[in-house]
Amino acid sequence: MAEALTLSYIGLGLLTIGLFYVIWQIVKRNQAISAVDNAPAIAGSDELSGGAKNPSQFDEPDDDALEQMADVLASSAEAQGLVLEEE
């Protein structure tokens, strides 16, 4: 009877070691996948899809855009201590 009990303990021990090995392999695989997925994007390696729906709308700026650009230029010139001459 002791022989059967010893064999069952050996079998359970081997099964436990095998399960720990499988879990360890799964953890390593998931860490490798996570490292690849969360790696920083290097300029030029990422692909950006799409574009402007109507690119011709950017050919000529409208009055609002021109006013906003003038405000940005004036505020940046003021921040740098420059005097912006108006034409």
PDB file of N, CA and C in Angstrom:
ATOM      1  N   MET A   1       0.814  -1.192   0.000  1.00  0.00           N
ATOM      2  CA  MET A   1       0.000   0.000   0.000  1.00  0.00           C
ATOM      3  C   MET A   1       0.862   1.262   0.000  1.00  0.00           C
ATOM      4  N   ALA A   2       1.959   1.217   0.704  1.00  0.00           N
ATOM      5  CA  ALA A   2       2.845   2.376   0.769  1.00  0.00           C
ATOM      6  C   ALA A   2       3.450   2.665  -0.593  1.00  0.00           C
ATOM      7  N   GLU A   3       3.627   1.628  -1.375  1.00  0.00           N
ATOM      8  CA  GLU A   3       4.207   1.816  -2.695  1.00  0.00           C
ATOM      9  C   GLU A   3       3.258   2.594  -3.610  1.00  0.00           C
ATOM     10  N   ALA A   4       1.973   2.321  -3.549  1.00  0.00           N
ATOM     11  CA  ALA A   4       0.981   3.035  -4.358  1.00  0.00           C
ATOM     12  C   ALA A   4       0.876   4.484  -3.911  1.00  0.00           C
ATOM     13  N   LEU A   5       0.927   4.716  -2.617  1.00  0.00           N
ATOM     14  CA  LEU A   5       0.861   6.076  -2.090  1.00  0.00           C
ATOM     15  C   LEU A   5       2.098   6.873  -2.505  1.00  0.00           C
ATOM     16  N   THR A   6       3.246   6.258  -2.459  1.00  0.00           N
ATOM     17  CA  THR A   6       4.484   6.921  -2.877  1.00  0.00           C
ATOM     18  C   THR A   6       4.444   7.251  -4.362  1.00  0.00           C
ATOM     19  N   LEU A   7       3.964   6.320  -5.166  1.00  0.00           N
ATOM     20  CA  LEU A   7       3.850   6.578  -6.605  1.00  0.00           C
ATOM     21  C   LEU A   7       2.859   7.702  -6.893  1.00  0.00           C
ATOM     22  N   SER A   8       1.775   7.761  -6.138  1.00  0.00           N
ATOM     23  CA  SER A   8       0.800   8.838  -6.361  1.00  0.00           C
ATOM     24  C   SER A   8       1.405  10.188  -5.977  1.00  0.00           C
ATOM     25  N   TYR A   9       2.195  10.237  -4.903  1.00  0.00           N
ATOM     26  CA  TYR A   9       2.862  11.484  -4.528  1.00  0.00           C
ATOM     27  C   TYR A   9       3.882  11.907  -5.588  1.00  0.00           C
ATOM     28  N   ILE A  10       4.604  10.946  -6.112  1.00  0.00           N
ATOM     29  CA  ILE A  10       5.569  11.251  -7.176  1.00  0.00           C
ATOM     30  C   ILE A  10       4.834  11.763  -8.417  1.00  0.00           C
ATOM     31  N   GLY A  11       3.728  11.117  -8.759  1.00  0.00           N
ATOM     32  CA  GLY A  11       2.936  11.553  -9.914  1.00  0.00           C
ATOM     33  C   GLY A  11       2.375  12.951  -9.715  1.00  0.00           C
ATOM     34  N   LEU A  12       1.841  13.219  -8.523  1.00  0.00           N
ATOM     35  CA  LEU A  12       1.312  14.558  -8.243  1.00  0.00           C
ATOM     36  C   LEU A  12       2.429  15.602  -8.243  1.00  0.00           C
ATOM     37  N   GLY A  13       3.594  15.226  -7.742  1.00  0.00           N
ATOM     38  CA  GLY A  13       4.732  16.145  -7.764  1.00  0.00           C
ATOM     39  C   GLY A  13       5.154  16.479  -9.183  1.00  0.00           C
ATOM     40  N   LEU A  14       5.228  15.461 -10.036  1.00  0.00           N
ATOM     41  CA  LEU A  14       5.582  15.696 -11.441  1.00  0.00           C
ATOM     42  C   LEU A  14       4.519  16.531 -12.151  1.00  0.00           C
ATOM     43  N   LEU A  15       3.260  16.261 -11.853  1.00  0.00           N
ATOM     44  CA  LEU A  15       2.171  17.039 -12.445  1.00  0.00           C
ATOM     45  C   LEU A  15       2.250  18.501 -12.003  1.00  0.00           C
ATOM     46  N   THR A  16       2.538  18.724 -10.732  1.00  0.00           N
ATOM     47  CA  THR A  16       2.666  20.089 -10.218  1.00  0.00           C
ATOM     48  C   THR A  16       3.832  20.810 -10.880  1.00  0.00           C
ATOM     49  N   ILE A  17       4.957  20.139 -10.998  1.00  0.00           N
ATOM     50  CA  ILE A  17       6.116  20.741 -11.662  1.00  0.00           C
ATOM     51  C   ILE A  17       5.780  21.057 -13.118  1.00  0.00           C
ATOM     52  N   GLY A  18       5.085  20.156 -13.791  1.00  0.00           N
ATOM     53  CA  GLY A  18       4.678  20.386 -15.178  1.00  0.00           C
ATOM     54  C   GLY A  18       3.748  21.577 -15.310  1.00  0.00           C
ATOM     55  N   LEU A  19       2.793  21.704 -14.383  1.00  0.00           N
ATOM     56  CA  LEU A  19       1.872  22.848 -14.432  1.00  0.00           C
ATOM     57  C   LEU A  19       2.606  24.165 -14.183  1.00  0.00           C
ATOM     58  N   PHE A  20       3.535  24.160 -13.225  1.00  0.00           N
ATOM     59  CA  PHE A  20       4.321  25.372 -12.992  1.00  0.00           C
ATOM     60  C   PHE A  20       5.142  25.740 -14.225  1.00  0.00           C
ATOM     61  N   TYR A  21       5.668  24.757 -14.925  1.00  0.00           N
ATOM     62  CA  TYR A  21       6.432  25.007 -16.141  1.00  0.00           C
ATOM     63  C   TYR A  21       5.543  25.630 -17.219  1.00  0.00           C
ATOM     64  N   VAL A  22       4.337  25.089 -17.392  1.00  0.00           N
ATOM     65  CA  VAL A  22       3.408  25.632 -18.395  1.00  0.00           C
ATOM     66  C   VAL A  22       3.019  27.064 -18.035  1.00  0.00           C
ATOM     67  N   ILE A  23       2.731  27.311 -16.767  1.00  0.00           N
ATOM     68  CA  ILE A  23       2.376  28.669 -16.334  1.00  0.00           C
ATOM     69  C   ILE A  23       3.541  29.618 -16.577  1.00  0.00           C
ATOM     70  N   TRP A  24       4.759  29.167 -16.281  1.00  0.00           N
ATOM     71  CA  TRP A  24       5.938  29.996 -16.490  1.00  0.00           C
ATOM     72  C   TRP A  24       6.109  30.338 -17.972  1.00  0.00           C
ATOM     73  N   GLN A  25       5.881  29.368 -18.852  1.00  0.00           N
ATOM     74  CA  GLN A  25       5.988  29.611 -20.294  1.00  0.00           C
ATOM     75  C   GLN A  25       4.926  30.607 -20.765  1.00  0.00           C
ATOM     76  N   ILE A  26       3.711  30.487 -20.251  1.00  0.00           N
ATOM     77  CA  ILE A  26       2.638  31.412 -20.627  1.00  0.00           C
ATOM     78  C   ILE A  26       2.967  32.824 -20.160  1.00  0.00           C
ATOM     79  N   VAL A  27       3.484  32.957 -18.947  1.00  0.00           N
ATOM     80  CA  VAL A  27       3.857  34.277 -18.423  1.00  0.00           C
ATOM     81  C   VAL A  27       4.959  34.894 -19.278  1.00  0.00           C
ATOM     82  N   LYS A  28       5.980  34.119 -19.639  1.00  0.00           N
ATOM     83  CA  LYS A  28       7.055  34.631 -20.485  1.00  0.00           C
ATOM     84  C   LYS A  28       6.523  35.082 -21.841  1.00  0.00           C
ATOM     85  N   ARG A  29       5.621  34.283 -22.438  1.00  0.00           N
ATOM     86  CA  ARG A  29       5.054  34.643 -23.739  1.00  0.00           C
ATOM     87  C   ARG A  29       4.252  35.934 -23.635  1.00  0.00           C
ATOM     88  N   ASN A  30       3.434  36.062 -22.593  1.00  0.00           N
ATOM     89  CA  ASN A  30       2.627  37.269 -22.424  1.00  0.00           C
ATOM     90  C   ASN A  30       3.495  38.498 -22.177  1.00  0.00           C
ATOM     91  N   GLN A  31       4.585  38.341 -21.434  1.00  0.00           N
ATOM     92  CA  GLN A  31       5.487  39.463 -21.213  1.00  0.00           C
ATOM     93  C   GLN A  31       6.154  39.894 -22.514  1.00  0.00           C
ATOM     94  N   ALA A  32       6.527  38.948 -23.345  1.00  0.00           N
ATOM     95  CA  ALA A  32       7.150  39.285 -24.629  1.00  0.00           C
ATOM     96  C   ALA A  32       6.161  40.009 -25.536  1.00  0.00           C
ATOM     97  N   ILE A  33       4.930  39.527 -25.568  1.00  0.00           N
ATOM     98  CA  ILE A  33       3.903  40.181 -26.385  1.00  0.00           C
ATOM     99  C   ILE A  33       3.635  41.584 -25.865  1.00  0.00           C
ATOM    100  N   SER A  34       3.554  41.739 -24.552  1.00  0.00           N
ATOM    101  CA  SER A  34       3.305  43.042 -23.948  1.00  0.00           C
ATOM    102  C   SER A  34       4.445  44.009 -24.236  1.00  0.00           C
ATOM    103  N   ALA A  35       5.676  43.523 -24.198  1.00  0.00           N
ATOM    104  CA  ALA A  35       6.826  44.383 -24.479  1.00  0.00           C
ATOM    105  C   ALA A  35       6.798  44.877 -25.916  1.00  0.00           C
ATOM    106  N   VAL A  36       6.394  44.026 -26.836  1.00  0.00           N
ATOM    107  CA  VAL A  36       6.320  44.429 -28.245  1.00  0.00           C
ATOM    108  C   VAL A  36       5.168  45.407 -28.460  1.00  0.00           C
ATOM    109  N   ASP A  37       4.018  45.126 -27.850  1.00  0.00           N
ATOM    110  CA  ASP A  37       2.849  45.985 -28.039  1.00  0.00           C
ATOM    111  C   ASP A  37       3.026  47.357 -27.404  1.00  0.00           C
ATOM    112  N   ASN A  38       3.771  47.447 -26.314  1.00  0.00           N
ATOM    113  CA  ASN A  38       3.922  48.706 -25.594  1.00  0.00           C
ATOM    114  C   ASN A  38       5.255  49.389 -25.855  1.00  0.00           C
ATOM    115  N   ALA A  39       5.962  48.964 -26.872  1.00  0.00           N
ATOM    116  CA  ALA A  39       7.232  49.594 -27.212  1.00  0.00           C
ATOM    117  C   ALA A  39       6.968  51.001 -27.745  1.00  0.00           C
ATOM    118  N   PRO A  40       7.880  51.931 -27.482  1.00  0.00           N
ATOM    119  CA  PRO A  40       7.675  53.289 -27.989  1.00  0.00           C
ATOM    120  C   PRO A  40       7.733  53.317 -29.516  1.00  0.00           C
ATOM    121  N   ALA A  41       6.922  54.172 -30.095  1.00  0.00           N
ATOM    122  CA  ALA A  41       6.886  54.295 -31.550  1.00  0.00           C
ATOM    123  C   ALA A  41       8.106  55.084 -32.016  1.00  0.00           C
ATOM    124  N   ILE A  42       8.808  54.549 -32.973  1.00  0.00           N
ATOM    125  CA  ILE A  42       9.960  55.223 -33.551  1.00  0.00           C
ATOM    126  C   ILE A  42       9.465  55.980 -34.776  1.00  0.00           C
ATOM    127  N   ALA A  43       9.922  57.202 -34.922  1.00  0.00           N
ATOM    128  CA  ALA A  43       9.456  58.047 -36.015  1.00  0.00           C
ATOM    129  C   ALA A  43       9.658  57.346 -37.348  1.00  0.00           C
ATOM    130  N   GLY A  44       8.591  57.254 -38.102  1.00  0.00           N
ATOM    131  CA  GLY A  44       8.644  56.632 -39.415  1.00  0.00           C
ATOM    132  C   GLY A  44       8.278  55.164 -39.419  1.00  0.00           C
ATOM    133  N   SER A  45       8.271  54.527 -38.239  1.00  0.00           N
ATOM    134  CA  SER A  45       7.947  53.100 -38.219  1.00  0.00           C
ATOM    135  C   SER A  45       6.448  52.861 -38.115  1.00  0.00           C
ATOM    136  N   ASP A  46       5.725  53.838 -37.607  1.00  0.00           N
ATOM    137  CA  ASP A  46       4.281  53.675 -37.495  1.00  0.00           C
ATOM    138  C   ASP A  46       3.613  54.187 -38.767  1.00  0.00           C
ATOM    139  N   GLU A  47       2.537  53.544 -39.139  1.00  0.00           N
ATOM    140  CA  GLU A  47       1.826  53.928 -40.345  1.00  0.00           C
ATOM    141  C   GLU A  47       0.541  54.640 -39.954  1.00  0.00           C
ATOM    142  N   LEU A  48       0.376  55.832 -40.478  1.00  0.00           N
ATOM    143  CA  LEU A  48      -0.832  56.599 -40.227  1.00  0.00           C
ATOM    144  C   LEU A  48      -1.693  56.523 -41.474  1.00  0.00           C
ATOM    145  N   SER A  49      -2.911  56.109 -41.283  1.00  0.00           N
ATOM    146  CA  SER A  49      -3.794  55.977 -42.437  1.00  0.00           C
ATOM    147  C   SER A  49      -4.708  57.191 -42.519  1.00  0.00           C
ATOM    148  N   GLY A  50      -5.265  57.364 -43.678  1.00  0.00           N
ATOM    149  CA  GLY A  50      -6.248  58.415 -43.862  1.00  0.00           C
ATOM    150  C   GLY A  50      -5.621  59.714 -44.322  1.00  0.00           C
ATOM    151  N   GLY A  51      -6.447  60.702 -44.404  1.00  0.00           N
ATOM    152  CA  GLY A  51      -6.017  62.019 -44.825  1.00  0.00           C
ATOM    153  C   GLY A  51      -7.195  62.960 -44.710  1.00  0.00           C
ATOM    154  N   ALA A  52      -7.038  64.134 -45.229  1.00  0.00           N
ATOM    155  CA  ALA A  52      -8.120  65.106 -45.182  1.00  0.00           C
ATOM    156  C   ALA A  52      -9.250  64.655 -46.102  1.00  0.00           C
ATOM    157  N   LYS A  53     -10.471  64.832 -45.637  1.00  0.00           N
ATOM    158  CA  LYS A  53     -11.618  64.444 -46.461  1.00  0.00           C
ATOM    159  C   LYS A  53     -11.750  65.361 -47.670  1.00  0.00           C
ATOM    160  N   ASN A  54     -11.407  66.629 -47.462  1.00  0.00           N
ATOM    161  CA  ASN A  54     -11.490  67.606 -48.541  1.00  0.00           C
ATOM    162  C   ASN A  54     -10.202  68.437 -48.505  1.00  0.00           C
ATOM    163  N   PRO A  55      -9.112  67.946 -49.095  1.00  0.00           N
ATOM    164  CA  PRO A  55      -7.838  68.661 -48.972  1.00  0.00           C
ATOM    165  C   PRO A  55      -7.828  70.019 -49.663  1.00  0.00           C
ATOM    166  N   SER A  56      -8.715  70.253 -50.589  1.00  0.00           N
ATOM    167  CA  SER A  56      -8.725  71.547 -51.277  1.00  0.00           C
ATOM    168  C   SER A  56      -9.193  72.673 -50.369  1.00  0.00           C
ATOM    169  N   GLN A  57      -9.819  72.331 -49.242  1.00  0.00           N
ATOM    170  CA  GLN A  57     -10.278  73.380 -48.327  1.00  0.00           C
ATOM    171  C   GLN A  57      -9.100  74.100 -47.668  1.00  0.00           C
ATOM    172  N   PHE A  58      -7.914  73.502 -47.727  1.00  0.00           N
ATOM    173  CA  PHE A  58      -6.743  74.103 -47.107  1.00  0.00           C
ATOM    174  C   PHE A  58      -5.910  74.914 -48.097  1.00  0.00           C
ATOM    175  N   ASP A  59      -6.335  74.975 -49.349  1.00  0.00           N
ATOM    176  CA  ASP A  59      -5.577  75.716 -50.352  1.00  0.00           C
ATOM    177  C   ASP A  59      -5.580  77.213 -50.063  1.00  0.00           C
ATOM    178  N   GLU A  60      -6.716  77.774 -49.767  1.00  0.00           N
ATOM    179  CA  GLU A  60      -6.859  79.200 -49.481  1.00  0.00           C
ATOM    180  C   GLU A  60      -7.448  79.370 -48.088  1.00  0.00           C
ATOM    181  N   PRO A  61      -6.761  80.089 -47.186  1.00  0.00           N
ATOM    182  CA  PRO A  61      -7.304  80.281 -45.835  1.00  0.00           C
ATOM    183  C   PRO A  61      -8.485  81.254 -45.859  1.00  0.00           C
ATOM    184  N   ASP A  62      -9.429  81.030 -44.974  1.00  0.00           N
ATOM    185  CA  ASP A  62     -10.565  81.945 -44.878  1.00  0.00           C
ATOM    186  C   ASP A  62     -10.212  83.080 -43.913  1.00  0.00           C
ATOM    187  N   ASP A  63     -11.125  84.034 -43.766  1.00  0.00           N
ATOM    188  CA  ASP A  63     -10.853  85.220 -42.951  1.00  0.00           C
ATOM    189  C   ASP A  63     -10.615  84.866 -41.482  1.00  0.00           C
ATOM    190  N   ASP A  64     -11.377  83.913 -40.948  1.00  0.00           N
ATOM    191  CA  ASP A  64     -11.179  83.514 -39.550  1.00  0.00           C
ATOM    192  C   ASP A  64      -9.778  82.947 -39.332  1.00  0.00           C
ATOM    193  N   ALA A  65      -9.330  82.121 -40.258  1.00  0.00           N
ATOM    194  CA  ALA A  65      -7.997  81.529 -40.133  1.00  0.00           C
ATOM    195  C   ALA A  65      -6.920  82.605 -40.200  1.00  0.00           C
ATOM    196  N   LEU A  66      -7.095  83.590 -41.091  1.00  0.00           N
ATOM    197  CA  LEU A  66      -6.118  84.672 -41.198  1.00  0.00           C
ATOM    198  C   LEU A  66      -6.077  85.506 -39.922  1.00  0.00           C
ATOM    199  N   GLU A  67      -7.242  85.765 -39.331  1.00  0.00           N
ATOM    200  CA  GLU A  67      -7.288  86.524 -38.076  1.00  0.00           C
ATOM    201  C   GLU A  67      -6.622  85.745 -36.943  1.00  0.00           C
ATOM    202  N   GLN A  68      -6.865  84.448 -36.898  1.00  0.00           N
ATOM    203  CA  GLN A  68      -6.238  83.628 -35.859  1.00  0.00           C
ATOM    204  C   GLN A  68      -4.719  83.605 -36.023  1.00  0.00           C
ATOM    205  N   MET A  69      -4.257  83.503 -37.268  1.00  0.00           N
ATOM    206  CA  MET A  69      -2.812  83.509 -37.510  1.00  0.00           C
ATOM    207  C   MET A  69      -2.200  84.847 -37.104  1.00  0.00           C
ATOM    208  N   ALA A  70      -2.900  85.944 -37.390  1.00  0.00           N
ATOM    209  CA  ALA A  70      -2.404  87.266 -37.004  1.00  0.00           C
ATOM    210  C   ALA A  70      -2.338  87.387 -35.488  1.00  0.00           C
ATOM    211  N   ASP A  71      -3.351  86.877 -34.780  1.00  0.00           N
ATOM    212  CA  ASP A  71      -3.338  86.910 -33.311  1.00  0.00           C
ATOM    213  C   ASP A  71      -2.186  86.085 -32.749  1.00  0.00           C
ATOM    214  N   VAL A  72      -1.960  84.915 -33.324  1.00  0.00           N
ATOM    215  CA  VAL A  72      -0.864  84.059 -32.852  1.00  0.00           C
ATOM    216  C   VAL A  72       0.479  84.741 -33.088  1.00  0.00           C
ATOM    217  N   LEU A  73       0.658  85.325 -34.255  1.00  0.00           N
ATOM    218  CA  LEU A  73       1.911  86.023 -34.547  1.00  0.00           C
ATOM    219  C   LEU A  73       2.113  87.214 -33.621  1.00  0.00           C
ATOM    220  N   ALA A  74       1.047  87.966 -33.372  1.00  0.00           N
ATOM    221  CA  ALA A  74       1.157  89.130 -32.495  1.00  0.00           C
ATOM    222  C   ALA A  74       1.490  88.708 -31.067  1.00  0.00           C
ATOM    223  N   SER A  75       0.837  87.673 -30.571  1.00  0.00           N
ATOM    224  CA  SER A  75       1.103  87.248 -29.191  1.00  0.00           C
ATOM    225  C   SER A  75       2.504  86.651 -29.056  1.00  0.00           C
ATOM    226  N   SER A  76       2.969  85.920 -30.063  1.00  0.00           N
ATOM    227  CA  SER A  76       4.322  85.362 -29.976  1.00  0.00           C
ATOM    228  C   SER A  76       5.370  86.462 -30.110  1.00  0.00           C
ATOM    229  N   ALA A  77       5.117  87.464 -30.934  1.00  0.00           N
ATOM    230  CA  ALA A  77       6.047  88.583 -31.054  1.00  0.00           C
ATOM    231  C   ALA A  77       6.092  89.362 -29.747  1.00  0.00           C
ATOM    232  N   GLU A  78       4.937  89.555 -29.127  1.00  0.00           N
ATOM    233  CA  GLU A  78       4.878  90.264 -27.849  1.00  0.00           C
ATOM    234  C   GLU A  78       5.614  89.482 -26.758  1.00  0.00           C
ATOM    235  N   ALA A  79       5.469  88.171 -26.761  1.00  0.00           N
ATOM    236  CA  ALA A  79       6.143  87.341 -25.760  1.00  0.00           C
ATOM    237  C   ALA A  79       7.656  87.399 -25.919  1.00  0.00           C
ATOM    238  N   GLN A  80       8.133  87.626 -27.136  1.00  0.00           N
ATOM    239  CA  GLN A  80       9.567  87.699 -27.388  1.00  0.00           C
ATOM    240  C   GLN A  80      10.096  89.128 -27.303  1.00  0.00           C
ATOM    241  N   GLY A  81       9.199  90.079 -27.069  1.00  0.00           N
ATOM    242  CA  GLY A  81       9.612  91.469 -26.960  1.00  0.00           C
ATOM    243  C   GLY A  81       9.849  92.125 -28.302  1.00  0.00           C
ATOM    244  N   LEU A  82       9.239  91.612 -29.343  1.00  0.00           N
ATOM    245  CA  LEU A  82       9.399  92.178 -30.680  1.00  0.00           C
ATOM    246  C   LEU A  82       8.207  93.055 -31.014  1.00  0.00           C
ATOM    247  N   VAL A  83       8.443  94.011 -31.907  1.00  0.00           N
ATOM    248  CA  VAL A  83       7.363  94.870 -32.379  1.00  0.00           C
ATOM    249  C   VAL A  83       6.985  94.391 -33.772  1.00  0.00           C
ATOM    250  N   LEU A  84       5.712  94.014 -33.931  1.00  0.00           N
ATOM    251  CA  LEU A  84       5.235  93.497 -35.203  1.00  0.00           C
ATOM    252  C   LEU A  84       4.692  94.656 -36.022  1.00  0.00           C
ATOM    253  N   GLU A  85       5.251  94.853 -37.200  1.00  0.00           N
ATOM    254  CA  GLU A  85       4.807  95.938 -38.068  1.00  0.00           C
ATOM    255  C   GLU A  85       3.652  95.465 -38.921  1.00  0.00           C
ATOM    256  N   GLU A  86       2.608  96.274 -38.974  1.00  0.00           N
ATOM    257  CA  GLU A  86       1.449  95.936 -39.804  1.00  0.00           C
ATOM    258  C   GLU A  86       1.579  96.641 -41.135  1.00  0.00           C
ATOM    259  N   GLU A  87       1.144  95.952 -42.171  1.00  0.00           N
ATOM    260  CA  GLU A  87       1.228  96.535 -43.517  1.00  0.00           C
ATOM    261  C   GLU A  87      -0.088  97.102 -43.938  1.00  0.00           C
TER     262      GLU A  87
END
